C-alpha atoms as a PDB file:
ATOM      1  CA  MET A   1       1.682 -24.405   3.789  1.00  0.00           C
ATOM      2  CA  LYS A   2       5.268 -23.862   2.803  1.00  0.00           C
ATOM      3  CA  ALA A   3       6.616 -20.191   2.268  1.00  0.00           C
ATOM      4  CA  THR A   4      10.327 -19.629   2.730  1.00  0.00           C
ATOM      5  CA  GLU A   5      10.656 -17.082  -0.020  1.00  0.00           C
ATOM      6  CA  SER A   6       8.570 -14.123  -1.156  1.00  0.00           C
ATOM      7  CA  CYS A   7       7.065 -16.370  -3.808  1.00  0.00           C
ATOM      8  CA  SER A   8       6.860 -20.206  -3.145  1.00  0.00           C
ATOM      9  CA  SER A   9       4.482 -23.003  -3.491  1.00  0.00           C
ATOM     10  CA  SER A  10       1.363 -23.611  -1.485  1.00  0.00           C
ATOM     11  CA  ALA A  11      -1.204 -26.485  -1.230  1.00  0.00           C
ATOM     12  CA  SER A  12      -4.164 -23.842  -1.416  1.00  0.00           C
ATOM     13  CA  THR A  13      -5.584 -23.042  -4.715  1.00  0.00           C
ATOM     14  CA  SER A  14      -7.857 -20.223  -3.520  1.00  0.00           C
ATOM     15  CA  ARG A  15      -6.955 -16.440  -3.637  1.00  0.00           C
ATOM     16  CA  VAL A  16      -6.406 -15.349  -0.201  1.00  0.00           C
ATOM     17  CA  LEU A  17      -5.270 -12.088   1.133  1.00  0.00           C
ATOM     18  CA  TYR A  18      -3.867 -11.756   4.648  1.00  0.00           C
ATOM     19  CA  SER A  19      -4.460  -8.271   5.637  1.00  0.00           C
ATOM     20  CA  PHE A  20      -4.921  -6.019   8.604  1.00  0.00           C
ATOM     21  CA  TRP A  21      -7.491  -3.183   8.254  1.00  0.00           C
ATOM     22  CA  LEU A  22      -5.272  -0.414   9.544  1.00  0.00           C
ATOM     23  CA  SER A  23      -2.187  -1.438   7.452  1.00  0.00           C
ATOM     24  CA  SER A  24      -1.711   0.904   4.332  1.00  0.00           C
ATOM     25  CA  CYS A  25       0.413  -1.812   2.650  1.00  0.00           C
ATOM     26  CA  SER A  26      -2.520  -4.011   2.764  1.00  0.00           C
ATOM     27  CA  TRP A  27      -4.869  -1.280   1.685  1.00  0.00           C
ATOM     28  CA  ARG A  28      -2.749  -0.871  -1.675  1.00  0.00           C
ATOM     29  CA  VAL A  29      -3.276  -4.603  -2.485  1.00  0.00           C
ATOM     30  CA  ARG A  30      -7.168  -4.435  -1.769  1.00  0.00           C
ATOM     31  CA  PHE A  31      -7.449  -1.393  -3.937  1.00  0.00           C
ATOM     32  CA  ALA A  32      -5.379  -3.086  -6.687  1.00  0.00           C
ATOM     33  CA  LEU A  33      -7.272  -6.325  -6.666  1.00  0.00           C
ATOM     34  CA  ASN A  34     -10.563  -4.317  -6.779  1.00  0.00           C
ATOM     35  CA  LEU A  35      -9.286  -2.589  -9.837  1.00  0.00           C
ATOM     36  CA  LYS A  36      -8.440  -5.615 -11.563  1.00  0.00           C
ATOM     37  CA  GLY A  37     -11.966  -7.276 -10.675  1.00  0.00           C
ATOM     38  CA  LEU A  38     -10.172 -10.189  -8.716  1.00  0.00           C
ATOM     39  CA  GLN A  39     -12.193 -11.849  -6.007  1.00  0.00           C
ATOM     40  CA  TYR A  40     -10.371 -12.938  -2.887  1.00  0.00           C
ATOM     41  CA  GLU A  41     -11.064 -14.238   0.585  1.00  0.00           C
ATOM     42  CA  TYR A  42      -9.942 -11.956   3.391  1.00  0.00           C
ATOM     43  CA  LYS A  43      -8.053 -13.282   6.250  1.00  0.00           C
ATOM     44  CA  PRO A  44      -7.383 -10.754   9.002  1.00  0.00           C
ATOM     45  CA  VAL A  45      -4.103 -10.681  10.827  1.00  0.00           C
ATOM     46  CA  ASP A  46      -4.476  -8.512  14.014  1.00  0.00           C
ATOM     47  CA  LEU A  47      -0.969  -6.665  14.264  1.00  0.00           C
ATOM     48  CA  ILE A  48      -2.022  -4.901  17.545  1.00  0.00           C
ATOM     49  CA  LYS A  49      -2.812  -8.427  19.168  1.00  0.00           C
ATOM     50  CA  GLY A  50       0.337  -9.817  17.704  1.00  0.00           C
ATOM     51  CA  GLU A  51      -1.224 -12.430  15.533  1.00  0.00           C
ATOM     52  CA  GLN A  52       1.721 -11.773  13.055  1.00  0.00           C
ATOM     53  CA  PHE A  53       3.897 -13.836  15.500  1.00  0.00           C
ATOM     54  CA  ASN A  54       1.779 -16.949  15.551  1.00  0.00           C
ATOM     55  CA  PRO A  55       3.648 -19.971  14.169  1.00  0.00           C
ATOM     56  CA  GLU A  56       0.962 -20.623  11.512  1.00  0.00           C
ATOM     57  CA  PHE A  57       1.454 -17.208   9.999  1.00  0.00           C
ATOM     58  CA  GLU A  58       5.294 -17.210  10.379  1.00  0.00           C
ATOM     59  CA  LYS A  59       5.240 -20.329   7.957  1.00  0.00           C
ATOM     60  CA  ILE A  60       3.434 -18.125   5.310  1.00  0.00           C
ATOM     61  CA  ASN A  61       5.659 -15.151   5.767  1.00  0.00           C
ATOM     62  CA  PRO A  62       8.808 -15.350   8.005  1.00  0.00           C
ATOM     63  CA  LEU A  63       9.117 -11.464   8.209  1.00  0.00           C
ATOM     64  CA  ARG A  64       5.745 -11.514   9.998  1.00  0.00           C
ATOM     65  CA  TYR A  65       4.468  -8.701   7.839  1.00  0.00           C
ATOM     66  CA  VAL A  66       1.089  -8.161   5.997  1.00  0.00           C
ATOM     67  CA  PRO A  67       0.096  -8.239   3.201  1.00  0.00           C
ATOM     68  CA  VAL A  68       0.441 -11.676   2.045  1.00  0.00           C
ATOM     69  CA  LEU A  69      -1.290 -13.021  -1.169  1.00  0.00           C
ATOM     70  CA  VAL A  70      -1.846 -16.590  -1.777  1.00  0.00           C
ATOM     71  CA  ASP A  71      -3.027 -17.225  -5.231  1.00  0.00           C
ATOM     72  CA  ASP A  72      -3.282 -20.649  -7.006  1.00  0.00           C
ATOM     73  CA  GLY A  73      -0.542 -22.254  -5.249  1.00  0.00           C
ATOM     74  CA  VAL A  74       1.810 -19.258  -5.211  1.00  0.00           C
ATOM     75  CA  VAL A  75       2.527 -17.134  -1.882  1.00  0.00           C
ATOM     76  CA  VAL A  76       3.839 -13.648  -2.371  1.00  0.00           C
ATOM     77  CA  SER A  77       4.485 -11.113   0.289  1.00  0.00           C
ATOM     78  CA  ASP A  78       5.298  -7.339   0.216  1.00  0.00           C
ATOM     79  CA  SER A  79       2.827  -5.108  -1.467  1.00  0.00           C
ATOM     80  CA  LEU A  80       5.125  -4.126  -4.408  1.00  0.00           C
ATOM     81  CA  ALA A  81       6.006  -7.694  -5.119  1.00  0.00           C
ATOM     82  CA  ILE A  82       2.256  -8.577  -5.010  1.00  0.00           C
ATOM     83  CA  LEU A  83       1.267  -5.758  -7.512  1.00  0.00           C
ATOM     84  CA  MET A  84       4.132  -6.834  -9.951  1.00  0.00           C
ATOM     85  CA  TYR A  85       2.854 -10.403  -9.619  1.00  0.00           C
ATOM     86  CA  LEU A  86      -0.655  -9.508 -10.375  1.00  0.00           C
ATOM     87  CA  GLU A  87       0.427  -7.292 -13.395  1.00  0.00           C
ATOM     88  CA  ASP A  88       2.106 -10.422 -14.808  1.00  0.00           C
ATOM     89  CA  LYS A  89      -0.476 -12.943 -14.011  1.00  0.00           C
ATOM     90  CA  TYR A  90      -3.711 -10.929 -14.667  1.00  0.00           C
ATOM     91  CA  PRO A  91      -3.134  -8.546 -17.703  1.00  0.00           C
ATOM     92  CA  GLN A  92      -6.581  -7.076 -17.403  1.00  0.00           C
ATOM     93  CA  ASN A  93      -6.848  -3.477 -16.276  1.00  0.00           C
ATOM     94  CA  GLN A  94      -3.079  -3.122 -16.440  1.00  0.00           C
ATOM     95  CA  LEU A  95      -1.707  -0.638 -13.733  1.00  0.00           C
ATOM     96  CA  LEU A  96       1.668  -0.213 -15.379  1.00  0.00           C
ATOM     97  CA  PRO A  97       1.614   1.860 -18.708  1.00  0.00           C
ATOM     98  CA  ALA A  98       3.216   0.611 -21.755  1.00  0.00           C
ATOM     99  CA  ASP A  99       5.141   4.020 -22.301  1.00  0.00           C
ATOM    100  CA  PRO A 100       8.747   3.460 -20.767  1.00  0.00           C
ATOM    101  CA  CYS A 101       8.831   6.975 -19.265  1.00  0.00           C
ATOM    102  CA  ARG A 102       5.359   6.791 -17.505  1.00  0.00           C
ATOM    103  CA  ARG A 103       6.133   3.098 -16.557  1.00  0.00           C
ATOM    104  CA  ALA A 104       9.155   4.414 -14.851  1.00  0.00           C
ATOM    105  CA  LEU A 105       7.214   7.244 -13.180  1.00  0.00           C
ATOM    106  CA  ASN A 106       4.922   4.761 -11.655  1.00  0.00           C
ATOM    107  CA  LEU A 107       7.666   2.547 -10.316  1.00  0.00           C
ATOM    108  CA  GLN A 108       9.263   5.642  -8.776  1.00  0.00           C
ATOM    109  CA  ALA A 109       6.299   6.836  -7.131  1.00  0.00           C
ATOM    110  CA  ALA A 110       5.525   3.265  -5.808  1.00  0.00           C
ATOM    111  CA  SER A 111       8.990   3.021  -4.467  1.00  0.00           C
ATOM    112  CA  ILE A 112       9.010   6.246  -2.789  1.00  0.00           C
ATOM    113  CA  VAL A 113       5.909   5.621  -0.912  1.00  0.00           C
ATOM    114  CA  SER A 114       6.772   1.929  -0.181  1.00  0.00           C
ATOM    115  CA  CYS A 115      10.490   2.541   0.815  1.00  0.00           C
ATOM    116  CA  SER A 116      11.184   6.186   1.676  1.00  0.00           C
ATOM    117  CA  MET A 117       7.840   6.964   3.325  1.00  0.00           C
ATOM    118  CA  GLN A 118       5.498   4.481   4.963  1.00  0.00           C
ATOM    119  CA  PRO A 119       8.311   2.274   6.701  1.00  0.00           C
ATOM    120  CA  LEU A 120       9.786   5.352   8.202  1.00  0.00           C
ATOM    121  CA  HIS A 121       6.473   6.408  10.044  1.00  0.00           C
ATOM    122  CA  MET A 122       4.845   3.085  10.644  1.00  0.00           C
ATOM    123  CA  LYS A 123       3.516   2.641  14.213  1.00  0.00           C
ATOM    124  CA  SER A 124       6.311   0.557  15.518  1.00  0.00           C
ATOM    125  CA  VAL A 125       8.948   2.994  14.530  1.00  0.00           C
ATOM    126  CA  LEU A 126       7.159   5.976  16.074  1.00  0.00           C
ATOM    127  CA  GLU A 127       6.738   4.042  19.311  1.00  0.00           C
ATOM    128  CA  ASP A 128      10.441   3.389  19.370  1.00  0.00           C
ATOM    129  CA  ILE A 129      11.156   6.948  18.888  1.00  0.00           C
ATOM    130  CA  GLU A 130       8.610   8.144  21.495  1.00  0.00           C
ATOM    131  CA  LYS A 131      10.217   5.731  24.049  1.00  0.00           C
ATOM    132  CA  LYS A 132      13.815   7.020  23.365  1.00  0.00           C
ATOM    133  CA  VAL A 133      13.151  10.935  22.859  1.00  0.00           C
ATOM    134  CA  GLY A 134       9.479  11.652  23.486  1.00  0.00           C
ATOM    135  CA  GLN A 135       6.253  12.083  21.759  1.00  0.00           C
ATOM    136  CA  GLU A 136       7.091  15.483  20.351  1.00  0.00           C
ATOM    137  CA  GLU A 137      10.025  14.193  18.592  1.00  0.00           C
ATOM    138  CA  SER A 138       7.985  11.204  17.178  1.00  0.00           C
ATOM    139  CA  ILE A 139       5.342  13.652  15.775  1.00  0.00           C
ATOM    140  CA  THR A 140       8.168  15.869  14.224  1.00  0.00           C
ATOM    141  CA  TRP A 141       9.906  12.906  12.595  1.00  0.00           C
ATOM    142  CA  SER A 142       6.563  11.552  11.002  1.00  0.00           C
ATOM    143  CA  GLN A 143       6.055  15.134   9.648  1.00  0.00           C
ATOM    144  CA  ILE A 144       9.388  15.447   8.203  1.00  0.00           C
ATOM    145  CA  VAL A 145       9.147  12.000   6.512  1.00  0.00           C
ATOM    146  CA  ILE A 146       5.707  12.893   5.091  1.00  0.00           C
ATOM    147  CA  GLU A 147       6.712  16.383   3.893  1.00  0.00           C
ATOM    148  CA  LYS A 148       9.823  15.286   2.237  1.00  0.00           C
ATOM    149  CA  GLY A 149       7.979  12.494   0.300  1.00  0.00           C
ATOM    150  CA  PHE A 150       5.111  14.530  -0.769  1.00  0.00           C
ATOM    151  CA  SER A 151       7.294  17.535  -1.959  1.00  0.00           C
ATOM    152  CA  THR A 152       9.361  14.965  -3.934  1.00  0.00           C
ATOM    153  CA  LEU A 153       6.237  13.289  -5.446  1.00  0.00           C
ATOM    154  CA  GLU A 154       4.567  16.741  -6.272  1.00  0.00           C
ATOM    155  CA  LYS A 155       7.705  17.574  -8.310  1.00  0.00           C
ATOM    156  CA  LEU A 156       7.989  14.150  -9.991  1.00  0.00           C
ATOM    157  CA  LEU A 157       4.390  14.054 -11.102  1.00  0.00           C
ATOM    158  CA  LYS A 158       3.233  17.436 -11.693  1.00  0.00           C
ATOM    159  CA  ASP A 159       4.083  17.616 -15.511  1.00  0.00           C
ATOM    160  CA  PHE A 160       2.631  14.210 -16.081  1.00  0.00           C
ATOM    161  CA  ALA A 161      -0.474  13.902 -14.061  1.00  0.00           C
ATOM    162  CA  GLY A 162      -3.857  14.113 -15.480  1.00  0.00           C
ATOM    163  CA  ARG A 163      -6.899  12.959 -13.644  1.00  0.00           C
ATOM    164  CA  TYR A 164      -4.630  10.581 -11.991  1.00  0.00           C
ATOM    165  CA  SER A 165      -0.773  10.260 -11.283  1.00  0.00           C
ATOM    166  CA  THR A 166       0.536   9.916 -14.671  1.00  0.00           C
ATOM    167  CA  GLY A 167      -2.366  10.437 -16.971  1.00  0.00           C
ATOM    168  CA  ASP A 168      -6.059  10.052 -17.070  1.00  0.00           C
ATOM    169  CA  GLU A 169      -6.131   6.342 -16.399  1.00  0.00           C
ATOM    170  CA  VAL A 170      -5.654   4.978 -12.979  1.00  0.00           C
ATOM    171  CA  SER A 171      -2.065   3.341 -12.510  1.00  0.00           C
ATOM    172  CA  MET A 172       0.158   1.771  -9.972  1.00  0.00           C
ATOM    173  CA  ALA A 173       1.345   5.004  -8.742  1.00  0.00           C
ATOM    174  CA  ASP A 174      -2.309   5.968  -7.606  1.00  0.00           C
ATOM    175  CA  VAL A 175      -2.566   2.610  -5.728  1.00  0.00           C
ATOM    176  CA  PHE A 176       0.378   3.469  -3.560  1.00  0.00           C
ATOM    177  CA  LEU A 177      -0.290   7.216  -3.228  1.00  0.00           C
ATOM    178  CA  ALA A 178      -4.014   7.274  -2.333  1.00  0.00           C
ATOM    179  CA  PRO A 179      -3.802   5.282   0.887  1.00  0.00           C
ATOM    180  CA  GLN A 180      -0.662   7.228   1.864  1.00  0.00           C
ATOM    181  CA  ILE A 181      -2.434  10.416   1.350  1.00  0.00           C
ATOM    182  CA  SER A 182      -5.325   9.354   3.081  1.00  0.00           C
ATOM    183  CA  ILE A 183      -3.472   8.158   6.244  1.00  0.00           C
ATOM    184  CA  ALA A 184      -1.299  11.238   6.203  1.00  0.00           C
ATOM    185  CA  MET A 185      -4.550  13.504   6.442  1.00  0.00           C
ATOM    186  CA  ASP A 186      -6.261  11.373   8.975  1.00  0.00           C
ATOM    187  CA  ARG A 187      -3.501  10.279  11.324  1.00  0.00           C
ATOM    188  CA  PHE A 188      -0.810  13.186  10.719  1.00  0.00           C
ATOM    189  CA  LYS A 189      -3.216  16.024   9.788  1.00  0.00           C
ATOM    190  CA  THR A 190      -1.074  16.759   6.787  1.00  0.00           C
ATOM    191  CA  ASP A 191      -2.063  19.853   4.737  1.00  0.00           C
ATOM    192  CA  MET A 192      -2.514  18.758   1.184  1.00  0.00           C
ATOM    193  CA  SER A 193      -3.089  22.138   0.001  1.00  0.00           C
ATOM    194  CA  LYS A 194       0.717  22.377  -0.223  1.00  0.00           C
ATOM    195  CA  TYR A 195       0.600  19.471  -2.864  1.00  0.00           C
ATOM    196  CA  PRO A 196      -1.991  20.491  -5.428  1.00  0.00           C
ATOM    197  CA  THR A 197      -1.176  17.693  -7.942  1.00  0.00           C
ATOM    198  CA  LEU A 198      -1.251  14.999  -5.251  1.00  0.00           C
ATOM    199  CA  ARG A 199      -4.402  16.424  -3.737  1.00  0.00           C
ATOM    200  CA  ARG A 200      -6.205  16.284  -7.080  1.00  0.00           C
ATOM    201  CA  VAL A 201      -5.198  12.795  -7.854  1.00  0.00           C
ATOM    202  CA  TYR A 202      -6.376  11.702  -4.368  1.00  0.00           C
ATOM    203  CA  GLU A 203      -9.726  13.194  -4.994  1.00  0.00           C
ATOM    204  CA  SER A 204     -10.124  11.248  -8.375  1.00  0.00           C
ATOM    205  CA  CYS A 205      -9.092   8.086  -6.525  1.00  0.00           C
ATOM    206  CA  GLU A 206     -11.388   8.653  -3.582  1.00  0.00           C
ATOM    207  CA  ALA A 207     -14.319   8.970  -5.994  1.00  0.00           C
ATOM    208  CA  MET A 208     -13.776   5.351  -7.246  1.00  0.00           C
ATOM    209  CA  PRO A 209     -15.958   2.606  -6.226  1.00  0.00           C
ATOM    210  CA  GLU A 210     -12.832   0.304  -6.035  1.00  0.00           C
ATOM    211  CA  PHE A 211     -11.076   2.591  -3.785  1.00  0.00           C
ATOM    212  CA  GLN A 212     -14.212   3.147  -1.428  1.00  0.00           C
ATOM    213  CA  ALA A 213     -14.515  -0.675  -1.058  1.00  0.00           C
ATOM    214  CA  SER A 214     -10.849  -0.935  -0.097  1.00  0.00           C
ATOM    215  CA  ILE A 215     -10.928   1.628   2.685  1.00  0.00           C
ATOM    216  CA  PRO A 216      -9.980   0.404   6.239  1.00  0.00           C
ATOM    217  CA  GLU A 217     -13.326   1.021   7.882  1.00  0.00           C
ATOM    218  CA  ARG A 218     -14.978  -1.164   5.230  1.00  0.00           C
ATOM    219  CA  GLN A 219     -12.879  -4.386   6.004  1.00  0.00           C
ATOM    220  CA  PRO A 220     -14.224  -7.345   8.060  1.00  0.00           C
ATOM    221  CA  ASP A 221     -11.762  -6.738  10.885  1.00  0.00           C
ATOM    222  CA  ALA A 222     -12.431  -2.938  11.256  1.00  0.00           C
ATOM    223  CA  LYS A 223     -12.947  -1.790  14.703  1.00  0.00           C
END
């Protein structure tokens, strides 16, 4: 299998998701695949054991990150790139609205989560901070990152949200937000009462069977 770019050819023709149960990035993709009704084979990559550094996985994604989707001869890494690929190839149950304003809102929300929040409080980053300046500073850092992101998202979405982030239909913003909110509450004890719009959106997503099927504890590699 050859994969030297985020999208490249592969000998495989089956749909396979390389995932790790605790990865919020992988969670987004699982949620999106479920919303689109797309079946896939789940291949776990244990990040704690360092399986992402195995030579075979490096051939698939040289960055050694999950998720990676292999679909009908195409390899795509990075959760946002995967979702955009799915939108283009599988038009059913569209996650990006046709309206330019709401489409832009979805992309902004997805970018805030994927670029300005999750990478800054991922496990490896917090471990590095803890080694250099201590656990208390690591916790403070994660709280600052999460609160800044959620405050921004609350302001961005409050005038457009309905049942979900940008209306009454589930969309890409929800796919990124719901796992982020769940992890913020569970791992970092974030008080979502400060973000009523986001809390309402999360509760709507949490009730969906597609979301429940995608939660970490229900994955094959869950401990």
